């Protein structure tokens, strides 16, 4: 491809600029949220540990959902139908 074909056109560039601006706003909002938590007495180490635990929880939950999905396919039922069998709430 020619170097010119790698250049974004006007609409693409505008979309990229909009996305960059949205990411900057999210970054600012997260910085403000962190500052708020720090002002409430939380430490960075505590926040990082909490975030790490949330990631671990989400990974485990995703694996569980995947297994439930595969089991539902094998049994020919919906995942939702398996929840009562395993004492799960739909909000889990």
PDB file of N, CA and C in Angstrom:
ATOM      1  N   UNK A   1       0.829  -1.198   0.000  1.00  0.00           N
ATOM      2  CA  UNK A   1       0.000   0.000   0.000  1.00  0.00           C
ATOM      3  C   UNK A   1       0.865   1.250   0.000  1.00  0.00           C
ATOM      4  N   UNK A   2       0.379   2.244  -0.678  1.00  0.00           N
ATOM      5  CA  UNK A   2       1.131   3.492  -0.727  1.00  0.00           C
ATOM      6  C   UNK A   2       0.986   4.221   0.601  1.00  0.00           C
ATOM      7  N   UNK A   3       1.963   5.068   0.954  1.00  0.00           N
ATOM      8  CA  UNK A   3       1.857   5.811   2.212  1.00  0.00           C
ATOM      9  C   UNK A   3       0.583   6.629   2.297  1.00  0.00           C
ATOM     10  N   UNK A   4       0.102   7.077   1.157  1.00  0.00           N
ATOM     11  CA  UNK A   4      -1.117   7.891   1.122  1.00  0.00           C
ATOM     12  C   UNK A   4      -2.328   7.070   1.589  1.00  0.00           C
ATOM     13  N   UNK A   5      -2.384   5.748   1.255  1.00  0.00           N
ATOM     14  CA  UNK A   5      -3.544   4.930   1.610  1.00  0.00           C
ATOM     15  C   UNK A   5      -3.615   4.676   3.111  1.00  0.00           C
ATOM     16  N   UNK A   6      -2.509   4.872   3.830  1.00  0.00           N
ATOM     17  CA  UNK A   6      -2.496   4.683   5.279  1.00  0.00           C
ATOM     18  C   UNK A   6      -2.991   5.927   6.010  1.00  0.00           C
ATOM     19  N   UNK A   7      -3.129   7.012   5.312  1.00  0.00           N
ATOM     20  CA  UNK A   7      -3.579   8.260   5.913  1.00  0.00           C
ATOM     21  C   UNK A   7      -5.104   8.229   6.066  1.00  0.00           C
ATOM     22  N   UNK A   8      -5.620   8.597   7.251  1.00  0.00           N
ATOM     23  CA  UNK A   8      -7.072   8.622   7.406  1.00  0.00           C
ATOM     24  C   UNK A   8      -7.672   9.771   6.602  1.00  0.00           C
ATOM     25  N   UNK A   9      -8.876   9.538   6.063  1.00  0.00           N
ATOM     26  CA  UNK A   9      -9.546  10.628   5.356  1.00  0.00           C
ATOM     27  C   UNK A   9     -10.168  11.564   6.396  1.00  0.00           C
ATOM     28  N   UNK A  10     -10.795  12.622   5.950  1.00  0.00           N
ATOM     29  CA  UNK A  10     -11.340  13.633   6.857  1.00  0.00           C
ATOM     30  C   UNK A  10     -12.305  13.073   7.886  1.00  0.00           C
ATOM     31  N   UNK A  11     -13.228  12.221   7.438  1.00  0.00           N
ATOM     32  CA  UNK A  11     -14.229  11.648   8.353  1.00  0.00           C
ATOM     33  C   UNK A  11     -13.568  10.715   9.356  1.00  0.00           C
ATOM     34  N   UNK A  12     -12.611   9.911   8.879  1.00  0.00           N
ATOM     35  CA  UNK A  12     -11.909   8.997   9.780  1.00  0.00           C
ATOM     36  C   UNK A  12     -11.097   9.769  10.809  1.00  0.00           C
ATOM     37  N   UNK A  13     -10.446  10.824  10.354  1.00  0.00           N
ATOM     38  CA  UNK A  13      -9.636  11.635  11.271  1.00  0.00           C
ATOM     39  C   UNK A  13     -10.523  12.301  12.318  1.00  0.00           C
ATOM     40  N   UNK A  14     -11.661  12.779  11.891  1.00  0.00           N
ATOM     41  CA  UNK A  14     -12.596  13.399  12.831  1.00  0.00           C
ATOM     42  C   UNK A  14     -13.101  12.375  13.854  1.00  0.00           C
ATOM     43  N   UNK A  15     -13.390  11.169  13.391  1.00  0.00           N
ATOM     44  CA  UNK A  15     -13.841  10.108  14.291  1.00  0.00           C
ATOM     45  C   UNK A  15     -12.738   9.750  15.286  1.00  0.00           C
ATOM     46  N   UNK A  16     -11.496   9.682  14.802  1.00  0.00           N
ATOM     47  CA  UNK A  16     -10.371   9.385  15.691  1.00  0.00           C
ATOM     48  C   UNK A  16     -10.182  10.497  16.717  1.00  0.00           C
ATOM     49  N   UNK A  17     -10.292  11.741  16.285  1.00  0.00           N
ATOM     50  CA  UNK A  17     -10.166  12.864  17.217  1.00  0.00           C
ATOM     51  C   UNK A  17     -11.269  12.820  18.267  1.00  0.00           C
ATOM     52  N   UNK A  18     -12.473  12.467  17.846  1.00  0.00           N
ATOM     53  CA  UNK A  18     -13.595  12.352  18.786  1.00  0.00           C
ATOM     54  C   UNK A  18     -13.328  11.240  19.793  1.00  0.00           C
ATOM     55  N   UNK A  19     -12.812  10.106  19.317  1.00  0.00           N
ATOM     56  CA  UNK A  19     -12.496   8.987  20.204  1.00  0.00           C
ATOM     57  C   UNK A  19     -11.392   9.371  21.189  1.00  0.00           C
ATOM     58  N   UNK A  20     -10.383  10.084  20.707  1.00  0.00           N
ATOM     59  CA  UNK A  20      -9.302  10.546  21.583  1.00  0.00           C
ATOM     60  C   UNK A  20      -9.863  11.466  22.660  1.00  0.00           C
ATOM     61  N   UNK A  21     -10.748  12.356  22.278  1.00  0.00           N
ATOM     62  CA  UNK A  21     -11.349  13.278  23.241  1.00  0.00           C
ATOM     63  C   UNK A  21     -12.171  12.528  24.287  1.00  0.00           C
ATOM     64  N   UNK A  22     -12.915  11.525  23.852  1.00  0.00           N
ATOM     65  CA  UNK A  22     -13.698  10.716  24.796  1.00  0.00           C
ATOM     66  C   UNK A  22     -12.777   9.988  25.774  1.00  0.00           C
ATOM     67  N   UNK A  23     -11.665   9.448  25.271  1.00  0.00           N
ATOM     68  CA  UNK A  23     -10.712   8.750  26.139  1.00  0.00           C
ATOM     69  C   UNK A  23     -10.067   9.714  27.134  1.00  0.00           C
ATOM     70  N   UNK A  24      -9.772  10.921  26.689  1.00  0.00           N
ATOM     71  CA  UNK A  24      -9.222  11.925  27.614  1.00  0.00           C
ATOM     72  C   UNK A  24     -10.225  12.243  28.716  1.00  0.00           C
ATOM     73  N   UNK A  25     -11.511  12.348  28.349  1.00  0.00           N
ATOM     74  CA  UNK A  25     -12.554  12.633  29.342  1.00  0.00           C
ATOM     75  C   UNK A  25     -12.675  11.483  30.339  1.00  0.00           C
ATOM     76  N   UNK A  26     -12.625  10.239  29.843  1.00  0.00           N
ATOM     77  CA  UNK A  26     -12.682   9.078  30.739  1.00  0.00           C
ATOM     78  C   UNK A  26     -11.486   9.058  31.677  1.00  0.00           C
ATOM     79  N   UNK A  27     -10.306   9.383  31.139  1.00  0.00           N
ATOM     80  CA  UNK A  27      -9.090   9.427  31.946  1.00  0.00           C
ATOM     81  C   UNK A  27      -9.228  10.471  33.055  1.00  0.00           C
ATOM     82  N   UNK A  28      -9.736  11.640  32.711  1.00  0.00           N
ATOM     83  CA  UNK A  28      -9.944  12.702  33.692  1.00  0.00           C
ATOM     84  C   UNK A  28     -10.947  12.266  34.759  1.00  0.00           C
ATOM     85  N   UNK A  29     -12.032  11.625  34.330  1.00  0.00           N
ATOM     86  CA  UNK A  29     -13.047  11.165  35.283  1.00  0.00           C
ATOM     87  C   UNK A  29     -12.468  10.125  36.231  1.00  0.00           C
ATOM     88  N   UNK A  30     -11.644   9.215  35.701  1.00  0.00           N
ATOM     89  CA  UNK A  30     -11.016   8.204  36.557  1.00  0.00           C
ATOM     90  C   UNK A  30     -10.025   8.842  37.532  1.00  0.00           C
ATOM     91  N   UNK A  31      -9.261   9.822  37.065  1.00  0.00           N
ATOM     92  CA  UNK A  31      -8.343  10.533  37.959  1.00  0.00           C
ATOM     93  C   UNK A  31      -9.107  11.215  39.089  1.00  0.00           C
ATOM     94  N   UNK A  32     -10.256  11.808  38.756  1.00  0.00           N
ATOM     95  CA  UNK A  32     -11.074  12.467  39.781  1.00  0.00           C
ATOM     96  C   UNK A  32     -11.639  11.446  40.764  1.00  0.00           C
ATOM     97  N   UNK A  33     -12.048  10.285  40.255  1.00  0.00           N
ATOM     98  CA  UNK A  33     -12.572   9.243  41.129  1.00  0.00           C
ATOM     99  C   UNK A  33     -11.491   8.726  42.075  1.00  0.00           C
ATOM    100  N   UNK A  34     -10.290   8.550  41.549  1.00  0.00           N
ATOM    101  CA  UNK A  34      -9.165   8.110  42.385  1.00  0.00           C
ATOM    102  C   UNK A  34      -8.869   9.158  43.448  1.00  0.00           C
ATOM    103  N   UNK A  35      -8.840  10.420  43.056  1.00  0.00           N
ATOM    104  CA  UNK A  35      -8.588  11.493  44.017  1.00  0.00           C
ATOM    105  C   UNK A  35      -9.650  11.496  45.114  1.00  0.00           C
ATOM    106  N   UNK A  36     -10.897  11.269  44.736  1.00  0.00           N
ATOM    107  CA  UNK A  36     -11.989  11.217  45.712  1.00  0.00           C
ATOM    108  C   UNK A  36     -11.773  10.068  46.698  1.00  0.00           C
ATOM    109  N   UNK A  37     -11.429   8.892  46.181  1.00  0.00           N
ATOM    110  CA  UNK A  37     -11.197   7.734  47.046  1.00  0.00           C
ATOM    111  C   UNK A  37     -10.001   7.970  47.974  1.00  0.00           C
ATOM    112  N   UNK A  38      -8.954   8.584  47.446  1.00  0.00           N
ATOM    113  CA  UNK A  38      -7.796   8.886  48.280  1.00  0.00           C
ATOM    114  C   UNK A  38      -8.158   9.869  49.386  1.00  0.00           C
ATOM    115  N   UNK A  39      -9.006  10.845  49.047  1.00  0.00           N
ATOM    116  CA  UNK A  39      -9.426  11.822  50.055  1.00  0.00           C
ATOM    117  C   UNK A  39     -10.310  11.184  51.124  1.00  0.00           C
ATOM    118  N   UNK A  40     -10.932  10.055  50.793  1.00  0.00           N
ATOM    119  CA  UNK A  40     -11.763   9.335  51.763  1.00  0.00           C
ATOM    120  C   UNK A  40     -10.932   8.387  52.623  1.00  0.00           C
ATOM    121  N   UNK A  41      -9.618   8.356  52.389  1.00  0.00           N
ATOM    122  CA  UNK A  41      -8.740   7.571  53.242  1.00  0.00           C
ATOM    123  C   UNK A  41      -8.250   6.262  52.659  1.00  0.00           C
ATOM    124  N   UNK A  42      -8.632   5.954  51.443  1.00  0.00           N
ATOM    125  CA  UNK A  42      -8.135   4.736  50.813  1.00  0.00           C
ATOM    126  C   UNK A  42      -6.701   4.959  50.349  1.00  0.00           C
ATOM    127  N   UNK A  43      -5.891   3.898  50.374  1.00  0.00           N
ATOM    128  CA  UNK A  43      -4.521   4.006  49.871  1.00  0.00           C
ATOM    129  C   UNK A  43      -4.464   3.451  48.453  1.00  0.00           C
ATOM    130  N   UNK A  44      -3.437   3.864  47.712  1.00  0.00           N
ATOM    131  CA  UNK A  44      -3.275   3.350  46.345  1.00  0.00           C
ATOM    132  C   UNK A  44      -3.099   1.846  46.350  1.00  0.00           C
ATOM    133  N   UNK A  45      -2.356   1.319  47.331  1.00  0.00           N
ATOM    134  CA  UNK A  45      -2.144  -0.123  47.408  1.00  0.00           C
ATOM    135  C   UNK A  45      -3.472  -0.853  47.616  1.00  0.00           C
ATOM    136  N   UNK A  46      -4.313  -0.276  48.469  1.00  0.00           N
ATOM    137  CA  UNK A  46      -5.623  -0.864  48.738  1.00  0.00           C
ATOM    138  C   UNK A  46      -6.483  -0.850  47.481  1.00  0.00           C
ATOM    139  N   UNK A  47      -6.463   0.270  46.765  1.00  0.00           N
ATOM    140  CA  UNK A  47      -7.244   0.379  45.533  1.00  0.00           C
ATOM    141  C   UNK A  47      -6.731  -0.597  44.482  1.00  0.00           C
ATOM    142  N   UNK A  48      -5.402  -0.702  44.349  1.00  0.00           N
ATOM    143  CA  UNK A  48      -4.829  -1.628  43.368  1.00  0.00           C
ATOM    144  C   UNK A  48      -5.174  -3.069  43.711  1.00  0.00           C
ATOM    145  N   UNK A  49      -5.146  -3.423  44.992  1.00  0.00           N
ATOM    146  CA  UNK A  49      -5.506  -4.774  45.422  1.00  0.00           C
ATOM    147  C   UNK A  49      -6.976  -5.053  45.104  1.00  0.00           C
ATOM    148  N   UNK A  50      -7.838  -4.068  45.370  1.00  0.00           N
ATOM    149  CA  UNK A  50      -9.263  -4.220  45.095  1.00  0.00           C
ATOM    150  C   UNK A  50      -9.497  -4.427  43.596  1.00  0.00           C
ATOM    151  N   UNK A  51      -8.823  -3.639  42.771  1.00  0.00           N
ATOM    152  CA  UNK A  51      -8.960  -3.771  41.318  1.00  0.00           C
ATOM    153  C   UNK A  51      -8.471  -5.145  40.864  1.00  0.00           C
ATOM    154  N   UNK A  52      -7.352  -5.592  41.424  1.00  0.00           N
ATOM    155  CA  UNK A  52      -6.816  -6.910  41.085  1.00  0.00           C
ATOM    156  C   UNK A  52      -7.814  -8.010  41.439  1.00  0.00           C
ATOM    157  N   UNK A  53      -8.421  -7.898  42.622  1.00  0.00           N
ATOM    158  CA  UNK A  53      -9.411  -8.890  43.036  1.00  0.00           C
ATOM    159  C   UNK A  53     -10.649  -8.859  42.139  1.00  0.00           C
ATOM    160  N   UNK A  54     -11.061  -7.674  41.704  1.00  0.00           N
ATOM    161  CA  UNK A  54     -12.200  -7.572  40.788  1.00  0.00           C
ATOM    162  C   UNK A  54     -11.887  -8.243  39.449  1.00  0.00           C
ATOM    163  N   UNK A  55     -10.666  -8.048  38.953  1.00  0.00           N
ATOM    164  CA  UNK A  55     -10.267  -8.713  37.701  1.00  0.00           C
ATOM    165  C   UNK A  55     -10.298 -10.227  37.865  1.00  0.00           C
ATOM    166  N   UNK A  56      -9.781 -10.701  38.990  1.00  0.00           N
ATOM    167  CA  UNK A  56      -9.773 -12.146  39.244  1.00  0.00           C
ATOM    168  C   UNK A  56     -11.204 -12.681  39.324  1.00  0.00           C
ATOM    169  N   UNK A  57     -12.075 -11.955  40.037  1.00  0.00           N
ATOM    170  CA  UNK A  57     -13.480 -12.351  40.144  1.00  0.00           C
ATOM    171  C   UNK A  57     -14.120 -12.418  38.760  1.00  0.00           C
ATOM    172  N   UNK A  58     -13.889 -11.402  37.930  1.00  0.00           N
ATOM    173  CA  UNK A  58     -14.486 -11.384  36.592  1.00  0.00           C
ATOM    174  C   UNK A  58     -13.975 -12.528  35.730  1.00  0.00           C
ATOM    175  N   UNK A  59     -12.687 -12.841  35.845  1.00  0.00           N
ATOM    176  CA  UNK A  59     -12.139 -13.976  35.088  1.00  0.00           C
ATOM    177  C   UNK A  59     -12.797 -15.286  35.514  1.00  0.00           C
ATOM    178  N   UNK A  60     -12.957 -15.470  36.818  1.00  0.00           N
ATOM    179  CA  UNK A  60     -13.586 -16.695  37.332  1.00  0.00           C
ATOM    180  C   UNK A  60     -15.054 -16.751  36.905  1.00  0.00           C
ATOM    181  N   UNK A  61     -15.735 -15.614  37.003  1.00  0.00           N
ATOM    182  CA  UNK A  61     -17.146 -15.569  36.605  1.00  0.00           C
ATOM    183  C   UNK A  61     -17.293 -15.886  35.111  1.00  0.00           C
ATOM    184  N   UNK A  62     -16.404 -15.328  34.282  1.00  0.00           N
ATOM    185  CA  UNK A  62     -16.437 -15.608  32.838  1.00  0.00           C
ATOM    186  C   UNK A  62     -16.248 -17.099  32.564  1.00  0.00           C
ATOM    187  N   UNK A  63     -15.311 -17.721  33.287  1.00  0.00           N
ATOM    188  CA  UNK A  63     -15.076 -19.159  33.108  1.00  0.00           C
ATOM    189  C   UNK A  63     -16.319 -19.949  33.510  1.00  0.00           C
ATOM    190  N   UNK A  64     -16.940 -19.562  34.614  1.00  0.00           N
ATOM    191  CA  UNK A  64     -18.165 -20.229  35.054  1.00  0.00           C
ATOM    192  C   UNK A  64     -19.293 -20.080  34.039  1.00  0.00           C
ATOM    193  N   UNK A  65     -19.432 -18.873  33.484  1.00  0.00           N
ATOM    194  CA  UNK A  65     -20.467 -18.644  32.471  1.00  0.00           C
ATOM    195  C   UNK A  65     -20.206 -19.489  31.229  1.00  0.00           C
ATOM    196  N   UNK A  66     -18.937 -19.606  30.856  1.00  0.00           N
ATOM    197  CA  UNK A  66     -18.593 -20.410  29.700  1.00  0.00           C
ATOM    198  C   UNK A  66     -18.954 -21.882  29.939  1.00  0.00           C
ATOM    199  N   UNK A  67     -18.625 -22.380  31.132  1.00  0.00           N
ATOM    200  CA  UNK A  67     -18.950 -23.771  31.460  1.00  0.00           C
ATOM    201  C   UNK A  67     -20.460 -23.997  31.492  1.00  0.00           C
ATOM    202  N   UNK A  68     -21.187 -23.039  32.094  1.00  0.00           N
ATOM    203  CA  UNK A  68     -22.658 -23.167  32.094  1.00  0.00           C
ATOM    204  C   UNK A  68     -23.204 -23.182  30.671  1.00  0.00           C
ATOM    205  N   UNK A  69     -22.636 -22.344  29.817  1.00  0.00           N
ATOM    206  CA  UNK A  69     -23.086 -22.300  28.427  1.00  0.00           C
ATOM    207  C   UNK A  69     -22.852 -23.620  27.708  1.00  0.00           C
ATOM    208  N   UNK A  70     -21.681 -24.197  27.928  1.00  0.00           N
ATOM    209  CA  UNK A  70     -21.374 -25.488  27.287  1.00  0.00           C
ATOM    210  C   UNK A  70     -22.282 -26.597  27.825  1.00  0.00           C
ATOM    211  N   UNK A  71     -22.512 -26.581  29.124  1.00  0.00           N
ATOM    212  CA  UNK A  71     -23.393 -27.573  29.724  1.00  0.00           C
ATOM    213  C   UNK A  71     -24.821 -27.420  29.184  1.00  0.00           C
ATOM    214  N   UNK A  72     -25.262 -26.173  29.029  1.00  0.00           N
ATOM    215  CA  UNK A  72     -26.602 -25.929  28.496  1.00  0.00           C
ATOM    216  C   UNK A  72     -26.727 -26.466  27.072  1.00  0.00           C
ATOM    217  N   UNK A  73     -25.688 -26.285  26.265  1.00  0.00           N
ATOM    218  CA  UNK A  73     -25.711 -26.800  24.892  1.00  0.00           C
ATOM    219  C   UNK A  73     -25.794 -28.326  24.910  1.00  0.00           C
ATOM    220  N   UNK A  74     -24.987 -28.945  25.771  1.00  0.00           N
ATOM    221  CA  UNK A  74     -24.984 -30.412  25.854  1.00  0.00           C
ATOM    222  C   UNK A  74     -26.358 -30.934  26.253  1.00  0.00           C
ATOM    223  N   UNK A  75     -26.988 -30.268  27.212  1.00  0.00           N
ATOM    224  CA  UNK A  75     -28.304 -30.709  27.686  1.00  0.00           C
ATOM    225  C   UNK A  75     -29.453 -30.223  26.816  1.00  0.00           C
ATOM    226  N   UNK A  76     -29.177 -29.302  25.911  1.00  0.00           N
ATOM    227  CA  UNK A  76     -30.231 -28.785  25.044  1.00  0.00           C
ATOM    228  C   UNK A  76     -31.198 -27.859  25.767  1.00  0.00           C
ATOM    229  N   UNK A  77     -30.688 -27.107  26.743  1.00  0.00           N
ATOM    230  CA  UNK A  77     -31.507 -26.152  27.484  1.00  0.00           C
ATOM    231  C   UNK A  77     -30.819 -24.797  27.429  1.00  0.00           C
ATOM    232  N   UNK A  78     -31.475 -23.790  27.988  1.00  0.00           N
ATOM    233  CA  UNK A  78     -30.851 -22.478  28.063  1.00  0.00           C
ATOM    234  C   UNK A  78     -30.009 -22.398  29.336  1.00  0.00           C
ATOM    235  N   UNK A  79     -29.069 -21.495  29.338  1.00  0.00           N
ATOM    236  CA  UNK A  79     -28.245 -21.269  30.534  1.00  0.00           C
ATOM    237  C   UNK A  79     -29.139 -20.865  31.701  1.00  0.00           C
ATOM    238  N   UNK A  80     -30.132 -20.048  31.411  1.00  0.00           N
ATOM    239  CA  UNK A  80     -31.055 -19.572  32.450  1.00  0.00           C
ATOM    240  C   UNK A  80     -31.743 -20.751  33.155  1.00  0.00           C
ATOM    241  N   UNK A  81     -32.032 -21.799  32.411  1.00  0.00           N
ATOM    242  CA  UNK A  81     -32.696 -22.965  32.994  1.00  0.00           C
ATOM    243  C   UNK A  81     -31.779 -23.725  33.960  1.00  0.00           C
ATOM    244  N   UNK A  82     -30.471 -23.550  33.837  1.00  0.00           N
ATOM    245  CA  UNK A  82     -29.527 -24.233  34.718  1.00  0.00           C
ATOM    246  C   UNK A  82     -29.348 -23.524  36.068  1.00  0.00           C
ATOM    247  N   UNK A  83     -29.649 -22.244  36.126  1.00  0.00           N
ATOM    248  CA  UNK A  83     -29.396 -21.468  37.346  1.00  0.00           C
ATOM    249  C   UNK A  83     -30.031 -22.068  38.593  1.00  0.00           C
ATOM    250  N   UNK A  84     -31.320 -22.426  38.570  1.00  0.00           N
ATOM    251  CA  UNK A  84     -31.910 -22.997  39.797  1.00  0.00           C
ATOM    252  C   UNK A  84     -31.233 -24.296  40.233  1.00  0.00           C
ATOM    253  N   UNK A  85     -30.811 -25.098  39.272  1.00  0.00           N
ATOM    254  CA  UNK A  85     -30.170 -26.369  39.588  1.00  0.00           C
ATOM    255  C   UNK A  85     -28.886 -26.175  40.409  1.00  0.00           C
ATOM    256  N   UNK A  86     -28.205 -25.060  40.188  1.00  0.00           N
ATOM    257  CA  UNK A  86     -26.951 -24.782  40.877  1.00  0.00           C
ATOM    258  C   UNK A  86     -27.104 -23.654  41.912  1.00  0.00           C
ATOM    259  N   UNK A  87     -28.335 -23.369  42.307  1.00  0.00           N
ATOM    260  CA  UNK A  87     -28.644 -22.326  43.297  1.00  0.00           C
ATOM    261  C   UNK A  87     -28.010 -20.999  42.932  1.00  0.00           C
ATOM    262  N   UNK A  88     -28.113 -20.609  41.664  1.00  0.00           N
ATOM    263  CA  UNK A  88     -27.583 -19.338  41.193  1.00  0.00           C
ATOM    264  C   UNK A  88     -28.717 -18.350  40.982  1.00  0.00           C
ATOM    265  N   UNK A  89     -28.460 -17.109  41.253  1.00  0.00           N
ATOM    266  CA  UNK A  89     -29.405 -16.044  40.969  1.00  0.00           C
ATOM    267  C   UNK A  89     -29.109 -15.513  39.577  1.00  0.00           C
ATOM    268  N   UNK A  90     -30.117 -15.034  38.886  1.00  0.00           N
ATOM    269  CA  UNK A  90     -29.910 -14.484  37.555  1.00  0.00           C
ATOM    270  C   UNK A  90     -28.991 -13.270  37.611  1.00  0.00           C
ATOM    271  N   UNK A  91     -28.925 -12.605  38.750  1.00  0.00           N
ATOM    272  CA  UNK A  91     -28.051 -11.442  38.889  1.00  0.00           C
ATOM    273  C   UNK A  91     -26.600 -11.840  39.154  1.00  0.00           C
ATOM    274  N   UNK A  92     -26.338 -13.141  39.358  1.00  0.00           N
ATOM    275  CA  UNK A  92     -24.962 -13.608  39.625  1.00  0.00           C
ATOM    276  C   UNK A  92     -24.109 -13.485  38.392  1.00  0.00           C
TER     277      UNK A  92
END
